[in-house]
Amino acid sequence: MLTLFGSVAVLIMFLSCWMESRSKWFVLVFARGPAAIFLYNALAQAYPVTVVEVLWALVALQRLLRKASSGSTWLIRAPEPHLFPRLF
């Protein structure tokens, strides 16, 4: 069960980082991803990785605050075409 929790946390972090250009709210979701991975690593007693995940969460929150203070709107915008390559 712990491995499933860690896998879902990493997947959320990856997807929110990938989708960040669509909306600034994905930066907030990305900040929660490292927080969930922090919890997973603390439960698994992987303390060096835990410290790195705290740093990732702080970086994401700083980016969110910087984007919020830039005066831009918080509306969802269309993604850049080059960010989503054609898979099939």
PDB file of N, CA and C in Angstrom:
ATOM      1  N   MET A   1       0.823  -1.195   0.000  1.00  0.00           N
ATOM      2  CA  MET A   1       0.000   0.000   0.000  1.00  0.00           C
ATOM      3  C   MET A   1       0.870   1.263   0.000  1.00  0.00           C
ATOM      4  N   LEU A   2       1.980   1.206   0.726  1.00  0.00           N
ATOM      5  CA  LEU A   2       2.886   2.349   0.776  1.00  0.00           C
ATOM      6  C   LEU A   2       3.506   2.616  -0.594  1.00  0.00           C
ATOM      7  N   THR A   3       3.837   1.548  -1.324  1.00  0.00           N
ATOM      8  CA  THR A   3       4.408   1.702  -2.665  1.00  0.00           C
ATOM      9  C   THR A   3       3.386   2.323  -3.615  1.00  0.00           C
ATOM     10  N   LEU A   4       2.142   1.940  -3.498  1.00  0.00           N
ATOM     11  CA  LEU A   4       1.091   2.520  -4.336  1.00  0.00           C
ATOM     12  C   LEU A   4       0.946   4.021  -4.052  1.00  0.00           C
ATOM     13  N   PHE A   5       0.982   4.387  -2.778  1.00  0.00           N
ATOM     14  CA  PHE A   5       0.901   5.794  -2.407  1.00  0.00           C
ATOM     15  C   PHE A   5       2.066   6.583  -3.008  1.00  0.00           C
ATOM     16  N   GLY A   6       3.264   6.053  -2.912  1.00  0.00           N
ATOM     17  CA  GLY A   6       4.444   6.714  -3.478  1.00  0.00           C
ATOM     18  C   GLY A   6       4.362   6.832  -4.980  1.00  0.00           C
ATOM     19  N   SER A   7       3.867   5.787  -5.633  1.00  0.00           N
ATOM     20  CA  SER A   7       3.742   5.816  -7.093  1.00  0.00           C
ATOM     21  C   SER A   7       2.730   6.858  -7.546  1.00  0.00           C
ATOM     22  N   VAL A   8       1.620   6.963  -6.854  1.00  0.00           N
ATOM     23  CA  VAL A   8       0.601   7.952  -7.201  1.00  0.00           C
ATOM     24  C   VAL A   8       1.138   9.366  -6.961  1.00  0.00           C
ATOM     25  N   ALA A   9       1.881   9.551  -5.877  1.00  0.00           N
ATOM     26  CA  ALA A   9       2.450  10.871  -5.584  1.00  0.00           C
ATOM     27  C   ALA A   9       3.436  11.300  -6.665  1.00  0.00           C
ATOM     28  N   VAL A  10       4.280  10.388  -7.114  1.00  0.00           N
ATOM     29  CA  VAL A  10       5.243  10.711  -8.173  1.00  0.00           C
ATOM     30  C   VAL A  10       4.512  10.994  -9.481  1.00  0.00           C
ATOM     31  N   LEU A  11       3.469  10.229  -9.786  1.00  0.00           N
ATOM     32  CA  LEU A  11       2.700  10.449 -11.008  1.00  0.00           C
ATOM     33  C   LEU A  11       2.017  11.817 -10.983  1.00  0.00           C
ATOM     34  N   ILE A  12       1.442  12.191  -9.858  1.00  0.00           N
ATOM     35  CA  ILE A  12       0.802  13.512  -9.741  1.00  0.00           C
ATOM     36  C   ILE A  12       1.830  14.613  -9.937  1.00  0.00           C
ATOM     37  N   MET A  13       2.999  14.447  -9.326  1.00  0.00           N
ATOM     38  CA  MET A  13       4.043  15.461  -9.468  1.00  0.00           C
ATOM     39  C   MET A  13       4.501  15.579 -10.913  1.00  0.00           C
ATOM     40  N   PHE A  14       4.685  14.464 -11.586  1.00  0.00           N
ATOM     41  CA  PHE A  14       5.117  14.477 -12.976  1.00  0.00           C
ATOM     42  C   PHE A  14       4.073  15.132 -13.878  1.00  0.00           C
ATOM     43  N   LEU A  15       2.829  14.726 -13.755  1.00  0.00           N
ATOM     44  CA  LEU A  15       1.775  15.270 -14.619  1.00  0.00           C
ATOM     45  C   LEU A  15       1.549  16.760 -14.382  1.00  0.00           C
ATOM     46  N   SER A  16       1.596  17.180 -13.131  1.00  0.00           N
ATOM     47  CA  SER A  16       1.387  18.600 -12.864  1.00  0.00           C
ATOM     48  C   SER A  16       2.551  19.444 -13.368  1.00  0.00           C
ATOM     49  N   CYS A  17       3.749  18.911 -13.321  1.00  0.00           N
ATOM     50  CA  CYS A  17       4.896  19.634 -13.881  1.00  0.00           C
ATOM     51  C   CYS A  17       4.757  19.731 -15.399  1.00  0.00           C
ATOM     52  N   TRP A  18       4.302  18.677 -16.013  1.00  0.00           N
ATOM     53  CA  TRP A  18       4.131  18.634 -17.456  1.00  0.00           C
ATOM     54  C   TRP A  18       3.027  19.587 -17.916  1.00  0.00           C
ATOM     55  N   MET A  19       1.980  19.717 -17.131  1.00  0.00           N
ATOM     56  CA  MET A  19       0.824  20.528 -17.504  1.00  0.00           C
ATOM     57  C   MET A  19       0.914  21.962 -16.988  1.00  0.00           C
ATOM     58  N   GLU A  20       2.026  22.328 -16.413  1.00  0.00           N
ATOM     59  CA  GLU A  20       2.170  23.636 -15.793  1.00  0.00           C
ATOM     60  C   GLU A  20       1.909  24.796 -16.749  1.00  0.00           C
ATOM     61  N   SER A  21       2.225  24.632 -18.006  1.00  0.00           N
ATOM     62  CA  SER A  21       2.032  25.725 -18.963  1.00  0.00           C
ATOM     63  C   SER A  21       0.552  25.990 -19.255  1.00  0.00           C
ATOM     64  N   ARG A  22      -0.323  25.066 -18.926  1.00  0.00           N
ATOM     65  CA  ARG A  22      -1.753  25.254 -19.177  1.00  0.00           C
ATOM     66  C   ARG A  22      -2.405  26.169 -18.158  1.00  0.00           C
ATOM     67  N   SER A  23      -1.997  26.054 -16.909  1.00  0.00           N
ATOM     68  CA  SER A  23      -2.608  26.862 -15.860  1.00  0.00           C
ATOM     69  C   SER A  23      -1.637  26.994 -14.696  1.00  0.00           C
ATOM     70  N   LYS A  24      -1.714  28.110 -14.039  1.00  0.00           N
ATOM     71  CA  LYS A  24      -0.852  28.322 -12.883  1.00  0.00           C
ATOM     72  C   LYS A  24      -1.270  27.460 -11.703  1.00  0.00           C
ATOM     73  N   TRP A  25      -2.483  26.942 -11.737  1.00  0.00           N
ATOM     74  CA  TRP A  25      -2.935  26.072 -10.652  1.00  0.00           C
ATOM     75  C   TRP A  25      -2.160  24.765 -10.625  1.00  0.00           C
ATOM     76  N   PHE A  26      -1.610  24.359 -11.758  1.00  0.00           N
ATOM     77  CA  PHE A  26      -0.808  23.137 -11.766  1.00  0.00           C
ATOM     78  C   PHE A  26       0.481  23.315 -10.970  1.00  0.00           C
ATOM     79  N   VAL A  27       0.931  24.548 -10.801  1.00  0.00           N
ATOM     80  CA  VAL A  27       2.101  24.799  -9.950  1.00  0.00           C
ATOM     81  C   VAL A  27       1.749  24.464  -8.499  1.00  0.00           C
ATOM     82  N   LEU A  28       0.536  24.812  -8.090  1.00  0.00           N
ATOM     83  CA  LEU A  28       0.085  24.473  -6.742  1.00  0.00           C
ATOM     84  C   LEU A  28      -0.027  22.958  -6.574  1.00  0.00           C
ATOM     85  N   VAL A  29      -0.564  22.299  -7.576  1.00  0.00           N
ATOM     86  CA  VAL A  29      -0.642  20.832  -7.529  1.00  0.00           C
ATOM     87  C   VAL A  29       0.762  20.241  -7.483  1.00  0.00           C
ATOM     88  N   PHE A  30       1.675  20.835  -8.256  1.00  0.00           N
ATOM     89  CA  PHE A  30       3.058  20.364  -8.252  1.00  0.00           C
ATOM     90  C   PHE A  30       3.682  20.537  -6.866  1.00  0.00           C
ATOM     91  N   ALA A  31       3.340  21.593  -6.160  1.00  0.00           N
ATOM     92  CA  ALA A  31       3.877  21.803  -4.810  1.00  0.00           C
ATOM     93  C   ALA A  31       3.361  20.744  -3.836  1.00  0.00           C
ATOM     94  N   ARG A  32       2.191  20.247  -4.084  1.00  0.00           N
ATOM     95  CA  ARG A  32       1.655  19.190  -3.214  1.00  0.00           C
ATOM     96  C   ARG A  32       2.260  17.831  -3.525  1.00  0.00           C
ATOM     97  N   GLY A  33       2.737  17.647  -4.745  1.00  0.00           N
ATOM     98  CA  GLY A  33       3.384  16.384  -5.106  1.00  0.00           C
ATOM     99  C   GLY A  33       4.607  16.087  -4.255  1.00  0.00           C
ATOM    100  N   PRO A  34       5.569  17.013  -4.173  1.00  0.00           N
ATOM    101  CA  PRO A  34       6.713  16.761  -3.292  1.00  0.00           C
ATOM    102  C   PRO A  34       6.314  16.616  -1.826  1.00  0.00           C
ATOM    103  N   ALA A  35       5.257  17.287  -1.413  1.00  0.00           N
ATOM    104  CA  ALA A  35       4.804  17.134  -0.026  1.00  0.00           C
ATOM    105  C   ALA A  35       4.318  15.705   0.217  1.00  0.00           C
ATOM    106  N   ALA A  36       3.605  15.139  -0.755  1.00  0.00           N
ATOM    107  CA  ALA A  36       3.148  13.753  -0.628  1.00  0.00           C
ATOM    108  C   ALA A  36       4.334  12.783  -0.692  1.00  0.00           C
ATOM    109  N   ILE A  37       5.306  13.076  -1.549  1.00  0.00           N
ATOM    110  CA  ILE A  37       6.494  12.220  -1.630  1.00  0.00           C
ATOM    111  C   ILE A  37       7.316  12.348  -0.357  1.00  0.00           C
ATOM    112  N   PHE A  38       7.328  13.543   0.243  1.00  0.00           N
ATOM    113  CA  PHE A  38       7.977  13.726   1.540  1.00  0.00           C
ATOM    114  C   PHE A  38       7.371  12.783   2.568  1.00  0.00           C
ATOM    115  N   LEU A  39       6.052  12.735   2.629  1.00  0.00           N
ATOM    116  CA  LEU A  39       5.373  11.850   3.567  1.00  0.00           C
ATOM    117  C   LEU A  39       5.715  10.390   3.279  1.00  0.00           C
ATOM    118  N   TYR A  40       5.700  10.008   2.003  1.00  0.00           N
ATOM    119  CA  TYR A  40       6.049   8.641   1.623  1.00  0.00           C
ATOM    120  C   TYR A  40       7.474   8.292   2.065  1.00  0.00           C
ATOM    121  N   ASN A  41       8.420   9.186   1.788  1.00  0.00           N
ATOM    122  CA  ASN A  41       9.812   8.905   2.145  1.00  0.00           C
ATOM    123  C   ASN A  41      10.020   8.886   3.657  1.00  0.00           C
ATOM    124  N   ALA A  42       9.281   9.714   4.379  1.00  0.00           N
ATOM    125  CA  ALA A  42       9.377   9.688   5.838  1.00  0.00           C
ATOM    126  C   ALA A  42       8.850   8.367   6.386  1.00  0.00           C
ATOM    127  N   LEU A  43       7.749   7.871   5.817  1.00  0.00           N
ATOM    128  CA  LEU A  43       7.211   6.584   6.258  1.00  0.00           C
ATOM    129  C   LEU A  43       8.128   5.428   5.878  1.00  0.00           C
ATOM    130  N   ALA A  44       8.808   5.568   4.740  1.00  0.00           N
ATOM    131  CA  ALA A  44       9.741   4.528   4.291  1.00  0.00           C
ATOM    132  C   ALA A  44      11.135   4.713   4.894  1.00  0.00           C
ATOM    133  N   GLN A  45      11.312   5.763   5.680  1.00  0.00           N
ATOM    134  CA  GLN A  45      12.566   6.091   6.355  1.00  0.00           C
ATOM    135  C   GLN A  45      13.714   6.309   5.362  1.00  0.00           C
ATOM    136  N   ALA A  46      13.402   6.995   4.266  1.00  0.00           N
ATOM    137  CA  ALA A  46      14.411   7.393   3.279  1.00  0.00           C
ATOM    138  C   ALA A  46      14.668   8.880   3.462  1.00  0.00           C
ATOM    139  N   TYR A  47      15.404   9.215   4.510  1.00  0.00           N
ATOM    140  CA  TYR A  47      15.524  10.605   4.932  1.00  0.00           C
ATOM    141  C   TYR A  47      16.289  11.515   3.972  1.00  0.00           C
ATOM    142  N   PRO A  48      17.335  11.092   3.283  1.00  0.00           N
ATOM    143  CA  PRO A  48      17.985  12.027   2.343  1.00  0.00           C
ATOM    144  C   PRO A  48      17.044  12.500   1.228  1.00  0.00           C
ATOM    145  N   VAL A  49      16.223  11.608   0.726  1.00  0.00           N
ATOM    146  CA  VAL A  49      15.270  11.975  -0.321  1.00  0.00           C
ATOM    147  C   VAL A  49      14.189  12.880   0.262  1.00  0.00           C
ATOM    148  N   THR A  50      13.864  12.692   1.520  1.00  0.00           N
ATOM    149  CA  THR A  50      12.866  13.516   2.186  1.00  0.00           C
ATOM    150  C   THR A  50      13.285  14.982   2.186  1.00  0.00           C
ATOM    151  N   VAL A  51      14.549  15.235   2.455  1.00  0.00           N
ATOM    152  CA  VAL A  51      15.060  16.610   2.463  1.00  0.00           C
ATOM    153  C   VAL A  51      14.950  17.229   1.071  1.00  0.00           C
ATOM    154  N   VAL A  52      15.269  16.470   0.045  1.00  0.00           N
ATOM    155  CA  VAL A  52      15.180  16.969  -1.328  1.00  0.00           C
ATOM    156  C   VAL A  52      13.731  17.300  -1.695  1.00  0.00           C
ATOM    157  N   GLU A  53      12.802  16.500  -1.264  1.00  0.00           N
ATOM    158  CA  GLU A  53      11.403  16.753  -1.587  1.00  0.00           C
ATOM    159  C   GLU A  53      10.883  18.007  -0.884  1.00  0.00           C
ATOM    160  N   VAL A  54      11.354  18.283   0.314  1.00  0.00           N
ATOM    161  CA  VAL A  54      10.981  19.535   0.976  1.00  0.00           C
ATOM    162  C   VAL A  54      11.481  20.718   0.157  1.00  0.00           C
ATOM    163  N   LEU A  55      12.696  20.614  -0.346  1.00  0.00           N
ATOM    164  CA  LEU A  55      13.245  21.691  -1.177  1.00  0.00           C
ATOM    165  C   LEU A  55      12.434  21.871  -2.456  1.00  0.00           C
ATOM    166  N   TRP A  56      12.017  20.767  -3.095  1.00  0.00           N
ATOM    167  CA  TRP A  56      11.189  20.854  -4.306  1.00  0.00           C
ATOM    168  C   TRP A  56       9.863  21.555  -4.002  1.00  0.00           C
ATOM    169  N   ALA A  57       9.255  21.220  -2.874  1.00  0.00           N
ATOM    170  CA  ALA A  57       7.987  21.854  -2.509  1.00  0.00           C
ATOM    171  C   ALA A  57       8.175  23.352  -2.292  1.00  0.00           C
ATOM    172  N   LEU A  58       9.265  23.746  -1.658  1.00  0.00           N
ATOM    173  CA  LEU A  58       9.527  25.172  -1.449  1.00  0.00           C
ATOM    174  C   LEU A  58       9.765  25.909  -2.760  1.00  0.00           C
ATOM    175  N   VAL A  59      10.476  25.284  -3.681  1.00  0.00           N
ATOM    176  CA  VAL A  59      10.707  25.890  -4.999  1.00  0.00           C
ATOM    177  C   VAL A  59       9.382  26.070  -5.738  1.00  0.00           C
ATOM    178  N   ALA A  60       8.525  25.066  -5.690  1.00  0.00           N
ATOM    179  CA  ALA A  60       7.233  25.166  -6.374  1.00  0.00           C
ATOM    180  C   ALA A  60       6.360  26.254  -5.757  1.00  0.00           C
ATOM    181  N   LEU A  61       6.367  26.363  -4.453  1.00  0.00           N
ATOM    182  CA  LEU A  61       5.583  27.423  -3.817  1.00  0.00           C
ATOM    183  C   LEU A  61       6.134  28.803  -4.154  1.00  0.00           C
ATOM    184  N   GLN A  62       7.444  28.923  -4.241  1.00  0.00           N
ATOM    185  CA  GLN A  62       8.049  30.195  -4.623  1.00  0.00           C
ATOM    186  C   GLN A  62       7.646  30.564  -6.052  1.00  0.00           C
ATOM    187  N   ARG A  63       7.630  29.583  -6.954  1.00  0.00           N
ATOM    188  CA  ARG A  63       7.205  29.839  -8.334  1.00  0.00           C
ATOM    189  C   ARG A  63       5.743  30.248  -8.384  1.00  0.00           C
ATOM    190  N   LEU A  64       4.918  29.624  -7.558  1.00  0.00           N
ATOM    191  CA  LEU A  64       3.504  29.980  -7.524  1.00  0.00           C
ATOM    192  C   LEU A  64       3.321  31.417  -7.053  1.00  0.00           C
ATOM    193  N   LEU A  65       4.039  31.807  -6.018  1.00  0.00           N
ATOM    194  CA  LEU A  65       3.933  33.177  -5.518  1.00  0.00           C
ATOM    195  C   LEU A  65       4.463  34.184  -6.532  1.00  0.00           C
ATOM    196  N   ARG A  66       5.518  33.831  -7.242  1.00  0.00           N
ATOM    197  CA  ARG A  66       6.061  34.729  -8.260  1.00  0.00           C
ATOM    198  C   ARG A  66       5.067  34.907  -9.400  1.00  0.00           C
ATOM    199  N   LYS A  67       4.408  33.817  -9.817  1.00  0.00           N
ATOM    200  CA  LYS A  67       3.427  33.927 -10.895  1.00  0.00           C
ATOM    201  C   LYS A  67       2.191  34.683 -10.439  1.00  0.00           C
ATOM    202  N   ALA A  68       1.831  34.545  -9.170  1.00  0.00           N
ATOM    203  CA  ALA A  68       0.657  35.255  -8.659  1.00  0.00           C
ATOM    204  C   ALA A  68       0.916  36.751  -8.572  1.00  0.00           C
ATOM    205  N   SER A  69       2.131  37.137  -8.259  1.00  0.00           N
ATOM    206  CA  SER A  69       2.428  38.551  -8.123  1.00  0.00           C
ATOM    207  C   SER A  69       2.802  39.218  -9.444  1.00  0.00           C
ATOM    208  N   SER A  70       2.888  38.444 -10.514  1.00  0.00           N
ATOM    209  CA  SER A  70       3.269  39.022 -11.799  1.00  0.00           C
ATOM    210  C   SER A  70       2.127  39.800 -12.454  1.00  0.00           C
ATOM    211  N   GLY A  71       0.933  39.704 -11.887  1.00  0.00           N
ATOM    212  CA  GLY A  71      -0.193  40.457 -12.426  1.00  0.00           C
ATOM    213  C   GLY A  71      -0.929  39.744 -13.547  1.00  0.00           C
ATOM    214  N   SER A  72      -0.513  38.551 -13.899  1.00  0.00           N
ATOM    215  CA  SER A  72      -1.198  37.826 -14.964  1.00  0.00           C
ATOM    216  C   SER A  72      -2.463  37.183 -14.404  1.00  0.00           C
ATOM    217  N   THR A  73      -3.353  36.838 -15.293  1.00  0.00           N
ATOM    218  CA  THR A  73      -4.607  36.237 -14.870  1.00  0.00           C
ATOM    219  C   THR A  73      -4.398  34.776 -14.526  1.00  0.00           C
ATOM    220  N   TRP A  74      -5.314  34.239 -13.761  1.00  0.00           N
ATOM    221  CA  TRP A  74      -5.233  32.839 -13.337  1.00  0.00           C
ATOM    222  C   TRP A  74      -6.137  31.957 -14.199  1.00  0.00           C
ATOM    223  N   LEU A  75      -6.415  32.390 -15.403  1.00  0.00           N
ATOM    224  CA  LEU A  75      -7.265  31.602 -16.276  1.00  0.00           C
ATOM    225  C   LEU A  75      -6.467  30.517 -16.976  1.00  0.00           C
ATOM    226  N   ILE A  76      -7.161  29.477 -17.339  1.00  0.00           N
ATOM    227  CA  ILE A  76      -6.518  28.387 -18.071  1.00  0.00           C
ATOM    228  C   ILE A  76      -6.316  28.835 -19.509  1.00  0.00           C
ATOM    229  N   ARG A  77      -5.140  28.596 -20.031  1.00  0.00           N
ATOM    230  CA  ARG A  77      -4.868  28.960 -21.419  1.00  0.00           C
ATOM    231  C   ARG A  77      -4.498  27.706 -22.202  1.00  0.00           C
ATOM    232  N   ALA A  78      -4.544  27.822 -23.489  1.00  0.00           N
ATOM    233  CA  ALA A  78      -4.228  26.689 -24.351  1.00  0.00           C
ATOM    234  C   ALA A  78      -2.736  26.363 -24.253  1.00  0.00           C
ATOM    235  N   PRO A  79      -2.387  25.071 -24.278  1.00  0.00           N
ATOM    236  CA  PRO A  79      -0.973  24.708 -24.177  1.00  0.00           C
ATOM    237  C   PRO A  79      -0.230  25.036 -25.465  1.00  0.00           C
ATOM    238  N   GLU A  80       1.047  25.204 -25.324  1.00  0.00           N
ATOM    239  CA  GLU A  80       1.890  25.402 -26.498  1.00  0.00           C
ATOM    240  C   GLU A  80       1.935  24.091 -27.285  1.00  0.00           C
ATOM    241  N   PRO A  81       1.858  24.143 -28.615  1.00  0.00           N
ATOM    242  CA  PRO A  81       1.793  22.909 -29.402  1.00  0.00           C
ATOM    243  C   PRO A  81       3.032  22.035 -29.249  1.00  0.00           C
ATOM    244  N   HIS A  82       4.190  22.624 -29.040  1.00  0.00           N
ATOM    245  CA  HIS A  82       5.412  21.823 -28.967  1.00  0.00           C
ATOM    246  C   HIS A  82       5.542  21.081 -27.635  1.00  0.00           C
ATOM    247  N   LEU A  83       4.696  21.395 -26.648  1.00  0.00           N
ATOM    248  CA  LEU A  83       4.784  20.717 -25.363  1.00  0.00           C
ATOM    249  C   LEU A  83       4.100  19.349 -25.367  1.00  0.00           C
ATOM    250  N   PHE A  84       3.231  19.127 -26.324  1.00  0.00           N
ATOM    251  CA  PHE A  84       2.518  17.866 -26.390  1.00  0.00           C
ATOM    252  C   PHE A  84       2.816  17.182 -27.716  1.00  0.00           C
ATOM    253  N   PRO A  85       3.907  16.465 -27.779  1.00  0.00           N
ATOM    254  CA  PRO A  85       4.245  15.807 -29.046  1.00  0.00           C
ATOM    255  C   PRO A  85       3.210  14.724 -29.383  1.00  0.00           C
ATOM    256  N   ARG A  86       3.103  14.465 -30.623  1.00  0.00           N
ATOM    257  CA  ARG A  86       2.178  13.450 -31.080  1.00  0.00           C
ATOM    258  C   ARG A  86       2.720  12.079 -30.714  1.00  0.00           C
ATOM    259  N   LEU A  87       1.928  11.286 -30.002  1.00  0.00           N
ATOM    260  CA  LEU A  87       2.404   9.998 -29.505  1.00  0.00           C
ATOM    261  C   LEU A  87       2.173   8.859 -30.485  1.00  0.00           C
ATOM    262  N   PHE A  88       1.130   8.981 -31.289  1.00  0.00           N
ATOM    263  CA  PHE A  88       0.814   7.889 -32.217  1.00  0.00           C
ATOM    264  C   PHE A  88       0.775   8.381 -33.631  1.00  0.00           C
TER     265      PHE A  88
END
